[in-house]
Amino acid sequence: MSAEYMHIGIPVTNKRPNMVFNEDLKFWSNTDVDDYDYKIEYLKFEEGTPFPETMHKRPHVAYKVDDMEPYLQDADAVIFPPLELDGNVRIAFIEKDDAIIELFEEKQQ
């Protein structure tokens, strides 16, 4: 298993500058996560989002993984099952030791 830190996701109740809307998943997020050292992703969830309520109130830590399957098996709970985003990327959210963790997997080319 190999995991590389990507960002921390912090839910907010008000839109922040530079946020863009994801129509399919009904949430806002900033586009500049990698533009500064803190690597913070701000998230504002809208009505109808498929993300569970716990993610609306609690931060998460995101990791890029080579293969998310071992992490899914090791999780205390899968709170958002794997979702393919563009044919090349999958994401999932798990709980492990009371922390919410985002798994980000890119298909190997």
PDB file of N, CA and C in Angstrom:
ATOM      1  N   MET A   1       0.860  -1.183   0.000  1.00  0.00           N
ATOM      2  CA  MET A   1       0.000   0.000   0.000  1.00  0.00           C
ATOM      3  C   MET A   1       0.899   1.237   0.000  1.00  0.00           C
ATOM      4  N   SER A   2       0.492   2.213  -0.778  1.00  0.00           N
ATOM      5  CA  SER A   2       1.258   3.445  -0.862  1.00  0.00           C
ATOM      6  C   SER A   2       0.289   4.626  -0.894  1.00  0.00           C
ATOM      7  N   ALA A   3       0.451   5.558   0.046  1.00  0.00           N
ATOM      8  CA  ALA A   3      -0.433   6.714   0.121  1.00  0.00           C
ATOM      9  C   ALA A   3       0.396   7.991   0.188  1.00  0.00           C
ATOM     10  N   GLU A   4      -0.011   8.993  -0.600  1.00  0.00           N
ATOM     11  CA  GLU A   4       0.670  10.288  -0.629  1.00  0.00           C
ATOM     12  C   GLU A   4      -0.330  11.368  -0.228  1.00  0.00           C
ATOM     13  N   TYR A   5       0.024  12.172   0.778  1.00  0.00           N
ATOM     14  CA  TYR A   5      -0.851  13.252   1.246  1.00  0.00           C
ATOM     15  C   TYR A   5      -1.179  14.205   0.101  1.00  0.00           C
ATOM     16  N   MET A   6      -2.461  14.593   0.006  1.00  0.00           N
ATOM     17  CA  MET A   6      -2.894  15.555  -1.009  1.00  0.00           C
ATOM     18  C   MET A   6      -3.385  16.863  -0.392  1.00  0.00           C
ATOM     19  N   HIS A   7      -4.368  16.781   0.520  1.00  0.00           N
ATOM     20  CA  HIS A   7      -4.941  17.983   1.115  1.00  0.00           C
ATOM     21  C   HIS A   7      -5.786  17.628   2.326  1.00  0.00           C
ATOM     22  N   ILE A   8      -6.194  18.665   3.045  1.00  0.00           N
ATOM     23  CA  ILE A   8      -7.209  18.518   4.072  1.00  0.00           C
ATOM     24  C   ILE A   8      -8.458  19.221   3.542  1.00  0.00           C
ATOM     25  N   GLY A   9      -9.608  18.591   3.707  1.00  0.00           N
ATOM     26  CA  GLY A   9     -10.869  19.165   3.264  1.00  0.00           C
ATOM     27  C   GLY A   9     -11.643  19.686   4.452  1.00  0.00           C
ATOM     28  N   ILE A  10     -12.036  20.940   4.394  1.00  0.00           N
ATOM     29  CA  ILE A  10     -12.743  21.577   5.500  1.00  0.00           C
ATOM     30  C   ILE A  10     -14.103  22.062   5.008  1.00  0.00           C
ATOM     31  N   PRO A  11     -15.191  21.544   5.605  1.00  0.00           N
ATOM     32  CA  PRO A  11     -16.519  22.018   5.211  1.00  0.00           C
ATOM     33  C   PRO A  11     -16.775  23.428   5.746  1.00  0.00           C
ATOM     34  N   VAL A  12     -17.406  24.239   4.914  1.00  0.00           N
ATOM     35  CA  VAL A  12     -17.771  25.608   5.295  1.00  0.00           C
ATOM     36  C   VAL A  12     -19.253  25.816   4.993  1.00  0.00           C
ATOM     37  N   THR A  13     -19.831  26.830   5.621  1.00  0.00           N
ATOM     38  CA  THR A  13     -21.253  27.111   5.389  1.00  0.00           C
ATOM     39  C   THR A  13     -21.460  28.275   4.424  1.00  0.00           C
ATOM     40  N   ASN A  14     -20.416  29.053   4.175  1.00  0.00           N
ATOM     41  CA  ASN A  14     -20.509  30.177   3.240  1.00  0.00           C
ATOM     42  C   ASN A  14     -19.506  29.991   2.115  1.00  0.00           C
ATOM     43  N   LYS A  15     -19.906  30.372   0.909  1.00  0.00           N
ATOM     44  CA  LYS A  15     -18.990  30.301  -0.229  1.00  0.00           C
ATOM     45  C   LYS A  15     -17.785  31.198   0.020  1.00  0.00           C
ATOM     46  N   ARG A  16     -16.634  30.717  -0.433  1.00  0.00           N
ATOM     47  CA  ARG A  16     -15.382  31.453  -0.324  1.00  0.00           C
ATOM     48  C   ARG A  16     -14.934  31.860  -1.723  1.00  0.00           C
ATOM     49  N   PRO A  17     -14.009  32.821  -1.817  1.00  0.00           N
ATOM     50  CA  PRO A  17     -13.502  33.220  -3.135  1.00  0.00           C
ATOM     51  C   PRO A  17     -12.909  32.028  -3.881  1.00  0.00           C
ATOM     52  N   ASN A  18     -13.022  32.053  -5.176  1.00  0.00           N
ATOM     53  CA  ASN A  18     -12.453  31.051  -6.089  1.00  0.00           C
ATOM     54  C   ASN A  18     -13.114  29.676  -6.005  1.00  0.00           C
ATOM     55  N   MET A  19     -14.286  29.583  -5.416  1.00  0.00           N
ATOM     56  CA  MET A  19     -14.983  28.301  -5.388  1.00  0.00           C
ATOM     57  C   MET A  19     -15.703  28.085  -6.712  1.00  0.00           C
ATOM     58  N   VAL A  20     -15.729  26.826  -7.154  1.00  0.00           N
ATOM     59  CA  VAL A  20     -16.471  26.457  -8.354  1.00  0.00           C
ATOM     60  C   VAL A  20     -17.490  25.391  -7.971  1.00  0.00           C
ATOM     61  N   PHE A  21     -18.571  25.345  -8.729  1.00  0.00           N
ATOM     62  CA  PHE A  21     -19.666  24.439  -8.416  1.00  0.00           C
ATOM     63  C   PHE A  21     -19.556  23.168  -9.242  1.00  0.00           C
ATOM     64  N   ASN A  22     -19.688  22.032  -8.579  1.00  0.00           N
ATOM     65  CA  ASN A  22     -19.758  20.735  -9.250  1.00  0.00           C
ATOM     66  C   ASN A  22     -21.234  20.373  -9.350  1.00  0.00           C
ATOM     67  N   GLU A  23     -21.786  20.510 -10.539  1.00  0.00           N
ATOM     68  CA  GLU A  23     -23.221  20.297 -10.768  1.00  0.00           C
ATOM     69  C   GLU A  23     -23.645  18.866 -10.469  1.00  0.00           C
ATOM     70  N   ASP A  24     -22.845  17.899 -10.880  1.00  0.00           N
ATOM     71  CA  ASP A  24     -23.208  16.492 -10.689  1.00  0.00           C
ATOM     72  C   ASP A  24     -23.272  16.096  -9.220  1.00  0.00           C
ATOM     73  N   LEU A  25     -22.318  16.584  -8.423  1.00  0.00           N
ATOM     74  CA  LEU A  25     -22.236  16.179  -7.018  1.00  0.00           C
ATOM     75  C   LEU A  25     -22.769  17.236  -6.057  1.00  0.00           C
ATOM     76  N   LYS A  26     -23.236  18.356  -6.576  1.00  0.00           N
ATOM     77  CA  LYS A  26     -23.902  19.414  -5.796  1.00  0.00           C
ATOM     78  C   LYS A  26     -23.054  19.921  -4.623  1.00  0.00           C
ATOM     79  N   PHE A  27     -21.850  20.396  -4.951  1.00  0.00           N
ATOM     80  CA  PHE A  27     -21.030  21.029  -3.926  1.00  0.00           C
ATOM     81  C   PHE A  27     -20.106  22.055  -4.568  1.00  0.00           C
ATOM     82  N   TRP A  28     -19.654  22.992  -3.748  1.00  0.00           N
ATOM     83  CA  TRP A  28     -18.699  24.011  -4.138  1.00  0.00           C
ATOM     84  C   TRP A  28     -17.344  23.638  -3.546  1.00  0.00           C
ATOM     85  N   SER A  29     -16.260  23.925  -4.273  1.00  0.00           N
ATOM     86  CA  SER A  29     -14.915  23.752  -3.715  1.00  0.00           C
ATOM     87  C   SER A  29     -13.976  24.763  -4.341  1.00  0.00           C
ATOM     88  N   ASN A  30     -12.920  25.083  -3.607  1.00  0.00           N
ATOM     89  CA  ASN A  30     -11.926  26.003  -4.148  1.00  0.00           C
ATOM     90  C   ASN A  30     -11.044  25.266  -5.146  1.00  0.00           C
ATOM     91  N   THR A  31     -10.532  26.009  -6.088  1.00  0.00           N
ATOM     92  CA  THR A  31      -9.742  25.405  -7.162  1.00  0.00           C
ATOM     93  C   THR A  31      -8.245  25.538  -6.939  1.00  0.00           C
ATOM     94  N   ASP A  32      -7.833  26.148  -5.828  1.00  0.00           N
ATOM     95  CA  ASP A  32      -6.421  26.475  -5.635  1.00  0.00           C
ATOM     96  C   ASP A  32      -5.748  25.656  -4.534  1.00  0.00           C
ATOM     97  N   VAL A  33      -6.175  24.434  -4.315  1.00  0.00           N
ATOM     98  CA  VAL A  33      -5.627  23.592  -3.247  1.00  0.00           C
ATOM     99  C   VAL A  33      -4.108  23.500  -3.333  1.00  0.00           C
ATOM    100  N   ASP A  34      -3.576  23.347  -4.514  1.00  0.00           N
ATOM    101  CA  ASP A  34      -2.131  23.172  -4.673  1.00  0.00           C
ATOM    102  C   ASP A  34      -1.370  24.487  -4.813  1.00  0.00           C
ATOM    103  N   ASP A  35      -2.062  25.606  -4.748  1.00  0.00           N
ATOM    104  CA  ASP A  35      -1.405  26.890  -4.953  1.00  0.00           C
ATOM    105  C   ASP A  35      -0.699  27.432  -3.716  1.00  0.00           C
ATOM    106  N   TYR A  36      -0.920  26.812  -2.565  1.00  0.00           N
ATOM    107  CA  TYR A  36      -0.237  27.277  -1.363  1.00  0.00           C
ATOM    108  C   TYR A  36       0.061  26.100  -0.440  1.00  0.00           C
ATOM    109  N   ASP A  37       1.016  26.307   0.439  1.00  0.00           N
ATOM    110  CA  ASP A  37       1.573  25.230   1.247  1.00  0.00           C
ATOM    111  C   ASP A  37       0.572  24.524   2.153  1.00  0.00           C
ATOM    112  N   TYR A  38      -0.475  25.201   2.575  1.00  0.00           N
ATOM    113  CA  TYR A  38      -1.402  24.595   3.528  1.00  0.00           C
ATOM    114  C   TYR A  38      -2.266  23.502   2.912  1.00  0.00           C
ATOM    115  N   LYS A  39      -2.433  23.502   1.596  1.00  0.00           N
ATOM    116  CA  LYS A  39      -3.188  22.463   0.885  1.00  0.00           C
ATOM    117  C   LYS A  39      -4.574  22.236   1.505  1.00  0.00           C
ATOM    118  N   ILE A  40      -5.346  23.313   1.611  1.00  0.00           N
ATOM    119  CA  ILE A  40      -6.691  23.239   2.176  1.00  0.00           C
ATOM    120  C   ILE A  40      -7.719  23.289   1.056  1.00  0.00           C
ATOM    121  N   GLU A  41      -8.645  22.345   1.092  1.00  0.00           N
ATOM    122  CA  GLU A  41      -9.784  22.336   0.178  1.00  0.00           C
ATOM    123  C   GLU A  41     -11.012  22.718   1.000  1.00  0.00           C
ATOM    124  N   TYR A  42     -11.628  23.836   0.658  1.00  0.00           N
ATOM    125  CA  TYR A  42     -12.868  24.244   1.326  1.00  0.00           C
ATOM    126  C   TYR A  42     -14.042  23.682   0.538  1.00  0.00           C
ATOM    127  N   LEU A  43     -15.024  23.152   1.245  1.00  0.00           N
ATOM    128  CA  LEU A  43     -16.189  22.512   0.620  1.00  0.00           C
ATOM    129  C   LEU A  43     -17.473  23.084   1.182  1.00  0.00           C
ATOM    130  N   LYS A  44     -18.382  23.443   0.290  1.00  0.00           N
ATOM    131  CA  LYS A  44     -19.731  23.865   0.698  1.00  0.00           C
ATOM    132  C   LYS A  44     -20.718  22.954  -0.022  1.00  0.00           C
ATOM    133  N   PHE A  45     -21.421  22.168   0.748  1.00  0.00           N
ATOM    134  CA  PHE A  45     -22.358  21.195   0.188  1.00  0.00           C
ATOM    135  C   PHE A  45     -23.734  21.819   0.021  1.00  0.00           C
ATOM    136  N   GLU A  46     -24.394  21.474  -1.078  1.00  0.00           N
ATOM    137  CA  GLU A  46     -25.728  21.983  -1.373  1.00  0.00           C
ATOM    138  C   GLU A  46     -26.767  20.876  -1.210  1.00  0.00           C
ATOM    139  N   GLU A  47     -28.021  21.267  -1.153  1.00  0.00           N
ATOM    140  CA  GLU A  47     -29.146  20.326  -1.097  1.00  0.00           C
ATOM    141  C   GLU A  47     -29.025  19.341  -2.249  1.00  0.00           C
ATOM    142  N   GLY A  48     -29.197  18.071  -1.960  1.00  0.00           N
ATOM    143  CA  GLY A  48     -29.176  17.048  -2.994  1.00  0.00           C
ATOM    144  C   GLY A  48     -27.812  16.432  -3.246  1.00  0.00           C
ATOM    145  N   THR A  49     -26.796  16.859  -2.512  1.00  0.00           N
ATOM    146  CA  THR A  49     -25.476  16.260  -2.694  1.00  0.00           C
ATOM    147  C   THR A  49     -25.517  14.797  -2.232  1.00  0.00           C
ATOM    148  N   PRO A  50     -24.798  13.917  -2.922  1.00  0.00           N
ATOM    149  CA  PRO A  50     -24.772  12.519  -2.487  1.00  0.00           C
ATOM    150  C   PRO A  50     -23.815  12.275  -1.316  1.00  0.00           C
ATOM    151  N   PHE A  51     -23.013  13.276  -0.959  1.00  0.00           N
ATOM    152  CA  PHE A  51     -22.075  13.091   0.142  1.00  0.00           C
ATOM    153  C   PHE A  51     -22.827  13.020   1.469  1.00  0.00           C
ATOM    154  N   PRO A  52     -22.445  12.101   2.350  1.00  0.00           N
ATOM    155  CA  PRO A  52     -23.173  11.921   3.605  1.00  0.00           C
ATOM    156  C   PRO A  52     -23.046  13.128   4.530  1.00  0.00           C
ATOM    157  N   GLU A  53     -24.036  13.278   5.387  1.00  0.00           N
ATOM    158  CA  GLU A  53     -24.131  14.415   6.309  1.00  0.00           C
ATOM    159  C   GLU A  53     -22.870  14.585   7.162  1.00  0.00           C
ATOM    160  N   THR A  54     -22.253  13.499   7.551  1.00  0.00           N
ATOM    161  CA  THR A  54     -21.051  13.605   8.386  1.00  0.00           C
ATOM    162  C   THR A  54     -19.949  14.395   7.691  1.00  0.00           C
ATOM    163  N   MET A  55     -19.890  14.336   6.363  1.00  0.00           N
ATOM    164  CA  MET A  55     -18.880  15.089   5.621  1.00  0.00           C
ATOM    165  C   MET A  55     -19.197  16.581   5.567  1.00  0.00           C
ATOM    166  N   HIS A  56     -20.435  16.954   5.817  1.00  0.00           N
ATOM    167  CA  HIS A  56     -20.838  18.355   5.800  1.00  0.00           C
ATOM    168  C   HIS A  56     -20.334  19.075   7.053  1.00  0.00           C
ATOM    169  N   LYS A  57     -19.972  18.304   8.073  1.00  0.00           N
ATOM    170  CA  LYS A  57     -19.623  18.884   9.370  1.00  0.00           C
ATOM    171  C   LYS A  57     -18.206  18.564   9.850  1.00  0.00           C
ATOM    172  N   ARG A  58     -17.576  17.564   9.256  1.00  0.00           N
ATOM    173  CA  ARG A  58     -16.269  17.119   9.729  1.00  0.00           C
ATOM    174  C   ARG A  58     -15.231  17.217   8.611  1.00  0.00           C
ATOM    175  N   PRO A  59     -14.005  17.598   8.941  1.00  0.00           N
ATOM    176  CA  PRO A  59     -12.946  17.649   7.927  1.00  0.00           C
ATOM    177  C   PRO A  59     -12.530  16.249   7.490  1.00  0.00           C
ATOM    178  N   HIS A  60     -11.853  16.197   6.359  1.00  0.00           N
ATOM    179  CA  HIS A  60     -11.280  14.939   5.887  1.00  0.00           C
ATOM    180  C   HIS A  60      -9.845  15.179   5.437  1.00  0.00           C
ATOM    181  N   VAL A  61      -9.086  14.108   5.371  1.00  0.00           N
ATOM    182  CA  VAL A  61      -7.720  14.156   4.856  1.00  0.00           C
ATOM    183  C   VAL A  61      -7.697  13.310   3.589  1.00  0.00           C
ATOM    184  N   ALA A  62      -7.126  13.860   2.517  1.00  0.00           N
ATOM    185  CA  ALA A  62      -7.104  13.168   1.226  1.00  0.00           C
ATOM    186  C   ALA A  62      -5.719  12.611   0.938  1.00  0.00           C
ATOM    187  N   TYR A  63      -5.724  11.383   0.412  1.00  0.00           N
ATOM    188  CA  TYR A  63      -4.487  10.714   0.020  1.00  0.00           C
ATOM    189  C   TYR A  63      -4.630  10.163  -1.386  1.00  0.00           C
ATOM    190  N   LYS A  64      -3.587  10.322  -2.168  1.00  0.00           N
ATOM    191  CA  LYS A  64      -3.498   9.668  -3.470  1.00  0.00           C
ATOM    192  C   LYS A  64      -2.946   8.273  -3.208  1.00  0.00           C
ATOM    193  N   VAL A  65      -3.647   7.266  -3.720  1.00  0.00           N
ATOM    194  CA  VAL A  65      -3.240   5.876  -3.490  1.00  0.00           C
ATOM    195  C   VAL A  65      -3.075   5.162  -4.821  1.00  0.00           C
ATOM    196  N   ASP A  66      -2.190   4.178  -4.833  1.00  0.00           N
ATOM    197  CA  ASP A  66      -1.981   3.377  -6.041  1.00  0.00           C
ATOM    198  C   ASP A  66      -3.173   2.460  -6.302  1.00  0.00           C
ATOM    199  N   ASP A  67      -3.731   1.934  -5.202  1.00  0.00           N
ATOM    200  CA  ASP A  67      -4.846   0.981  -5.278  1.00  0.00           C
ATOM    201  C   ASP A  67      -5.693   1.177  -4.035  1.00  0.00           C
ATOM    202  N   MET A  68      -6.924   1.628  -4.203  1.00  0.00           N
ATOM    203  CA  MET A  68      -7.754   1.914  -3.026  1.00  0.00           C
ATOM    204  C   MET A  68      -8.330   0.660  -2.370  1.00  0.00           C
ATOM    205  N   GLU A  69      -8.336  -0.470  -3.053  1.00  0.00           N
ATOM    206  CA  GLU A  69      -8.988  -1.664  -2.514  1.00  0.00           C
ATOM    207  C   GLU A  69      -8.479  -2.074  -1.132  1.00  0.00           C
ATOM    208  N   PRO A  70      -7.156  -2.128  -0.882  1.00  0.00           N
ATOM    209  CA  PRO A  70      -6.712  -2.503   0.472  1.00  0.00           C
ATOM    210  C   PRO A  70      -7.186  -1.525   1.543  1.00  0.00           C
ATOM    211  N   TYR A  71      -7.285  -0.241   1.192  1.00  0.00           N
ATOM    212  CA  TYR A  71      -7.748   0.762   2.139  1.00  0.00           C
ATOM    213  C   TYR A  71      -9.244   0.600   2.414  1.00  0.00           C
ATOM    214  N   LEU A  72     -10.001   0.274   1.383  1.00  0.00           N
ATOM    215  CA  LEU A  72     -11.433   0.019   1.570  1.00  0.00           C
ATOM    216  C   LEU A  72     -11.647  -1.187   2.475  1.00  0.00           C
ATOM    217  N   GLN A  73     -10.843  -2.225   2.290  1.00  0.00           N
ATOM    218  CA  GLN A  73     -10.949  -3.437   3.113  1.00  0.00           C
ATOM    219  C   GLN A  73     -10.576  -3.160   4.560  1.00  0.00           C
ATOM    220  N   ASP A  74      -9.612  -2.259   4.782  1.00  0.00           N
ATOM    221  CA  ASP A  74      -9.105  -1.954   6.119  1.00  0.00           C
ATOM    222  C   ASP A  74      -9.953  -0.912   6.853  1.00  0.00           C
ATOM    223  N   ALA A  75     -10.862  -0.256   6.151  1.00  0.00           N
ATOM    224  CA  ALA A  75     -11.656   0.834   6.733  1.00  0.00           C
ATOM    225  C   ALA A  75     -12.589   0.333   7.829  1.00  0.00           C
ATOM    226  N   ASP A  76     -12.844   1.198   8.791  1.00  0.00           N
ATOM    227  CA  ASP A  76     -13.877   0.918   9.789  1.00  0.00           C
ATOM    228  C   ASP A  76     -15.252   1.019   9.133  1.00  0.00           C
ATOM    229  N   ALA A  77     -15.385   1.945   8.168  1.00  0.00           N
ATOM    230  CA  ALA A  77     -16.637   2.109   7.408  1.00  0.00           C
ATOM    231  C   ALA A  77     -16.322   2.799   6.087  1.00  0.00           C
ATOM    232  N   VAL A  78     -17.044   2.425   5.052  1.00  0.00           N
ATOM    233  CA  VAL A  78     -16.996   3.135   3.770  1.00  0.00           C
ATOM    234  C   VAL A  78     -18.192   4.067   3.787  1.00  0.00           C
ATOM    235  N   ILE A  79     -17.938   5.373   3.840  1.00  0.00           N
ATOM    236  CA  ILE A  79     -19.056   6.315   3.958  1.00  0.00           C
ATOM    237  C   ILE A  79     -19.479   6.895   2.612  1.00  0.00           C
ATOM    238  N   PHE A  80     -18.609   6.785   1.603  1.00  0.00           N
ATOM    239  CA  PHE A  80     -18.955   7.180   0.232  1.00  0.00           C
ATOM    240  C   PHE A  80     -18.227   6.206  -0.675  1.00  0.00           C
ATOM    241  N   PRO A  81     -18.959   5.280  -1.300  1.00  0.00           N
ATOM    242  CA  PRO A  81     -18.310   4.221  -2.073  1.00  0.00           C
ATOM    243  C   PRO A  81     -17.563   4.755  -3.292  1.00  0.00           C
ATOM    244  N   PRO A  82     -16.665   3.954  -3.847  1.00  0.00           N
ATOM    245  CA  PRO A  82     -15.879   4.405  -4.996  1.00  0.00           C
ATOM    246  C   PRO A  82     -16.754   4.952  -6.122  1.00  0.00           C
ATOM    247  N   LEU A  83     -16.307   6.091  -6.638  1.00  0.00           N
ATOM    248  CA  LEU A  83     -17.005   6.778  -7.726  1.00  0.00           C
ATOM    249  C   LEU A  83     -15.977   7.120  -8.788  1.00  0.00           C
ATOM    250  N   GLU A  84     -16.248   6.715 -10.019  1.00  0.00           N
ATOM    251  CA  GLU A  84     -15.370   7.061 -11.132  1.00  0.00           C
ATOM    252  C   GLU A  84     -15.745   8.451 -11.615  1.00  0.00           C
ATOM    253  N   LEU A  85     -14.742   9.326 -11.713  1.00  0.00           N
ATOM    254  CA  LEU A  85     -15.021  10.713 -12.071  1.00  0.00           C
ATOM    255  C   LEU A  85     -14.914  10.993 -13.559  1.00  0.00           C
ATOM    256  N   ASP A  86     -13.877  10.523 -14.204  1.00  0.00           N
ATOM    257  CA  ASP A  86     -13.703  10.869 -15.613  1.00  0.00           C
ATOM    258  C   ASP A  86     -13.119   9.721 -16.428  1.00  0.00           C
ATOM    259  N   GLY A  87     -13.265   8.518 -15.948  1.00  0.00           N
ATOM    260  CA  GLY A  87     -12.696   7.376 -16.637  1.00  0.00           C
ATOM    261  C   GLY A  87     -11.250   7.113 -16.256  1.00  0.00           C
ATOM    262  N   ASN A  88     -10.629   8.083 -15.601  1.00  0.00           N
ATOM    263  CA  ASN A  88      -9.229   7.948 -15.222  1.00  0.00           C
ATOM    264  C   ASN A  88      -9.018   8.043 -13.710  1.00  0.00           C
ATOM    265  N   VAL A  89     -10.014   8.565 -12.983  1.00  0.00           N
ATOM    266  CA  VAL A  89      -9.874   8.821 -11.550  1.00  0.00           C
ATOM    267  C   VAL A  89     -11.056   8.224 -10.800  1.00  0.00           C
ATOM    268  N   ARG A  90     -10.752   7.617  -9.647  1.00  0.00           N
ATOM    269  CA  ARG A  90     -11.791   7.161  -8.720  1.00  0.00           C
ATOM    270  C   ARG A  90     -11.548   7.820  -7.367  1.00  0.00           C
ATOM    271  N   ILE A  91     -12.641   8.150  -6.680  1.00  0.00           N
ATOM    272  CA  ILE A  91     -12.548   8.632  -5.307  1.00  0.00           C
ATOM    273  C   ILE A  91     -13.462   7.801  -4.435  1.00  0.00           C
ATOM    274  N   ALA A  92     -13.160   7.760  -3.156  1.00  0.00           N
ATOM    275  CA  ALA A  92     -14.009   7.138  -2.148  1.00  0.00           C
ATOM    276  C   ALA A  92     -13.671   7.811  -0.827  1.00  0.00           C
ATOM    277  N   PHE A  93     -14.611   7.733   0.117  1.00  0.00           N
ATOM    278  CA  PHE A  93     -14.376   8.268   1.451  1.00  0.00           C
ATOM    279  C   PHE A  93     -14.634   7.165   2.457  1.00  0.00           C
ATOM    280  N   ILE A  94     -13.690   7.037   3.399  1.00  0.00           N
ATOM    281  CA  ILE A  94     -13.802   6.021   4.435  1.00  0.00           C
ATOM    282  C   ILE A  94     -13.658   6.664   5.805  1.00  0.00           C
ATOM    283  N   GLU A  95     -14.036   5.911   6.827  1.00  0.00           N
ATOM    284  CA  GLU A  95     -13.705   6.279   8.192  1.00  0.00           C
ATOM    285  C   GLU A  95     -12.714   5.257   8.710  1.00  0.00           C
ATOM    286  N   LYS A  96     -11.671   5.751   9.343  1.00  0.00           N
ATOM    287  CA  LYS A  96     -10.664   4.898   9.966  1.00  0.00           C
ATOM    288  C   LYS A  96     -10.220   5.593  11.246  1.00  0.00           C
ATOM    289  N   ASP A  97     -10.355   4.917  12.371  1.00  0.00           N
ATOM    290  CA  ASP A  97      -9.953   5.487  13.669  1.00  0.00           C
ATOM    291  C   ASP A  97     -10.592   6.856  13.894  1.00  0.00           C
ATOM    292  N   ASP A  98     -11.883   6.982  13.597  1.00  0.00           N
ATOM    293  CA  ASP A  98     -12.680   8.196  13.783  1.00  0.00           C
ATOM    294  C   ASP A  98     -12.295   9.353  12.863  1.00  0.00           C
ATOM    295  N   ALA A  99     -11.470   9.109  11.856  1.00  0.00           N
ATOM    296  CA  ALA A  99     -11.100  10.143  10.890  1.00  0.00           C
ATOM    297  C   ALA A  99     -11.758   9.829   9.547  1.00  0.00           C
ATOM    298  N   ILE A 100     -12.158  10.886   8.836  1.00  0.00           N
ATOM    299  CA  ILE A 100     -12.657  10.721   7.474  1.00  0.00           C
ATOM    300  C   ILE A 100     -11.473  10.861   6.533  1.00  0.00           C
ATOM    301  N   ILE A 101     -11.317   9.883   5.654  1.00  0.00           N
ATOM    302  CA  ILE A 101     -10.198   9.851   4.722  1.00  0.00           C
ATOM    303  C   ILE A 101     -10.732   9.727   3.301  1.00  0.00           C
ATOM    304  N   GLU A 102     -10.252  10.620   2.431  1.00  0.00           N
ATOM    305  CA  GLU A 102     -10.559  10.529   1.004  1.00  0.00           C
ATOM    306  C   GLU A 102      -9.461   9.716   0.334  1.00  0.00           C
ATOM    307  N   LEU A 103      -9.877   8.754  -0.468  1.00  0.00           N
ATOM    308  CA  LEU A 103      -8.948   7.969  -1.279  1.00  0.00           C
ATOM    309  C   LEU A 103      -9.078   8.443  -2.714  1.00  0.00           C
ATOM    310  N   PHE A 104      -7.964   8.798  -3.332  1.00  0.00           N
ATOM    311  CA  PHE A 104      -7.929   9.311  -4.697  1.00  0.00           C
ATOM    312  C   PHE A 104      -7.022   8.383  -5.490  1.00  0.00           C
ATOM    313  N   GLU A 105      -7.575   7.751  -6.506  1.00  0.00           N
ATOM    314  CA  GLU A 105      -6.818   6.773  -7.286  1.00  0.00           C
ATOM    315  C   GLU A 105      -6.870   7.136  -8.761  1.00  0.00           C
ATOM    316  N   GLU A 106      -5.711   7.238  -9.393  1.00  0.00           N
ATOM    317  CA  GLU A 106      -5.622   7.439 -10.834  1.00  0.00           C
ATOM    318  C   GLU A 106      -5.269   6.109 -11.472  1.00  0.00           C
ATOM    319  N   LYS A 107      -5.927   5.805 -12.588  1.00  0.00           N
ATOM    320  CA  LYS A 107      -5.592   4.573 -13.308  1.00  0.00           C
ATOM    321  C   LYS A 107      -4.176   4.686 -13.851  1.00  0.00           C
ATOM    322  N   GLN A 108      -3.466   3.587 -13.779  1.00  0.00           N
ATOM    323  CA  GLN A 108      -2.106   3.547 -14.316  1.00  0.00           C
ATOM    324  C   GLN A 108      -2.184   3.527 -15.839  1.00  0.00           C
ATOM    325  N   GLN A 109      -1.419   4.358 -16.481  1.00  0.00           N
ATOM    326  CA  GLN A 109      -1.431   4.457 -17.944  1.00  0.00           C
ATOM    327  C   GLN A 109      -0.445   3.494 -18.548  1.00  0.00           C
TER     328      GLN A 109
END
